[in-house]
Protein backbone atom coordinates (compact mmCIF):
# COMPACT_ATOMS: atom_id res chain seq x y z
CA MET A 1 68.75 108.59 133.51
CA ARG A 2 70.97 110.70 130.86
CA TYR A 3 73.69 108.09 131.15
CA LEU A 4 71.41 105.39 130.39
CA GLU A 5 69.95 107.23 127.38
CA LYS A 6 73.43 107.74 126.24
CA LEU A 7 73.91 103.91 126.40
CA GLY A 8 70.90 103.47 124.00
CA VAL A 9 68.35 102.30 126.67
CA ASP A 10 64.85 103.23 125.45
CA ARG A 11 63.27 106.01 127.65
CA SER A 12 60.24 103.91 128.05
CA PHE A 13 62.33 101.55 130.17
CA ILE A 14 63.57 104.19 132.44
CA MET A 15 61.76 105.28 135.53
CA VAL A 16 62.95 108.04 137.68
CA GLU A 17 61.13 107.93 140.92
CA GLU A 18 60.30 111.27 142.72
CA THR A 19 57.01 111.04 144.40
CA THR A 20 57.65 108.73 147.40
CA SER A 21 59.56 109.55 150.45
CA THR A 22 60.81 106.17 151.86
CA THR A 23 62.48 103.26 150.44
CA VAL A 24 59.66 100.92 151.45
CA GLN A 25 57.19 103.24 149.56
CA GLN A 26 59.74 103.14 146.40
CA ILE A 27 59.88 99.42 146.33
CA GLN A 28 56.14 98.97 146.72
CA LEU A 29 55.57 101.43 143.87
CA ILE A 30 57.95 99.42 141.78
CA LYS A 31 56.20 96.25 142.70
CA ASN A 32 52.74 97.75 141.95
CA LYS A 33 53.73 99.39 138.76
CA PHE A 34 55.87 96.80 137.07
CA SER A 35 55.91 93.40 138.69
CA GLU A 36 52.84 92.06 136.95
CA ASP A 37 54.01 93.31 133.41
CA PRO A 38 55.94 90.50 131.76
CA LYS A 39 57.96 93.01 129.91
CA TYR A 40 59.84 93.82 133.12
CA ARG A 41 61.16 90.29 134.10
CA LYS A 42 63.97 91.98 136.08
CA ILE A 43 64.17 95.46 137.29
CA SER A 44 67.53 97.22 137.71
CA ILE A 45 67.74 99.83 140.68
CA VAL A 46 70.43 102.43 140.77
CA SER A 47 71.23 104.02 143.97
CA ASP A 48 74.24 104.89 146.20
CA GLN A 49 76.37 102.01 147.36
CA PHE A 50 75.66 102.64 151.10
CA HIS A 51 72.04 102.25 150.42
CA MET A 52 72.04 99.12 148.14
CA ALA A 53 72.01 96.53 150.79
CA ARG A 54 68.69 97.79 152.17
CA ILE A 55 67.28 97.96 148.87
CA MET A 56 68.03 94.52 147.83
CA GLU A 57 66.61 93.07 151.20
CA MET A 58 63.38 95.07 150.74
CA SER A 59 63.12 93.86 147.00
CA LYS A 60 63.52 90.33 148.36
CA PHE A 61 60.92 90.88 150.91
CA PHE A 62 58.52 92.10 148.31
CA THR A 63 59.37 89.30 145.95
CA LEU A 64 60.79 91.47 143.21
CA GLN A 65 63.53 90.34 140.79
CA THR A 66 65.98 93.13 140.91
CA ASP A 67 69.61 94.02 140.22
CA GLY A 68 71.15 96.65 142.22
CA ILE A 69 73.66 99.08 140.40
CA ALA A 70 75.50 101.27 142.66
CA SER A 71 76.11 104.80 141.66
CA ASP A 72 79.69 106.13 141.60
CA TYR A 73 78.75 109.09 144.00
CA LYS A 74 81.69 109.81 146.26
CA LEU A 75 81.47 110.86 149.87
CA LYS A 76 83.93 112.08 152.44
CA ILE A 77 84.69 109.60 155.05
CA GLU A 78 82.69 111.28 157.83
CA LYS A 79 79.46 111.23 155.48
CA LEU A 80 80.17 107.69 154.48
CA LEU A 81 80.45 106.61 158.14
CA TYR A 82 77.32 108.52 158.98
CA TYR A 83 75.26 106.80 156.04
CA ARG A 84 76.48 103.41 156.72
CA LEU A 85 75.42 103.59 160.50
CA ARG A 86 72.10 104.98 159.52
CA GLU A 87 71.52 102.32 156.73
CA SER A 88 72.58 99.46 159.22
CA ILE A 89 69.91 100.93 161.73
CA ALA A 90 67.33 101.28 159.04
CA LEU A 91 67.93 97.62 157.85
CA LEU A 92 67.76 96.43 161.33
CA LEU A 93 64.42 98.16 161.74
CA PHE A 94 63.22 96.66 158.60
CA TRP A 95 64.13 93.14 159.44
CA LEU A 96 62.48 93.55 162.69
CA PHE A 97 59.35 95.49 161.96
CA ALA A 98 59.27 95.61 158.13
CA ILE A 99 59.28 99.46 158.16
């Protein structure tokens, strides 16, 4: 958020989501809050690189026009492998059961 503000992005166009606990809930919240407003033709979502594939798939499923922007957050290789595996399983579950 601070980085976007430094770039000159108006604060009214920035949403920091801290109320939901799952990615599906987050995407649904974004859809409910912004998708009907023509001011938000396309929504940019910032998240970790390992999480971006699932976010983009969920956005397509919920018919959201989104851009994915990966943060530059660095992980040690062990953590990266763990999160990649976890995200792969979560994406498979989403494809099969939409959860």
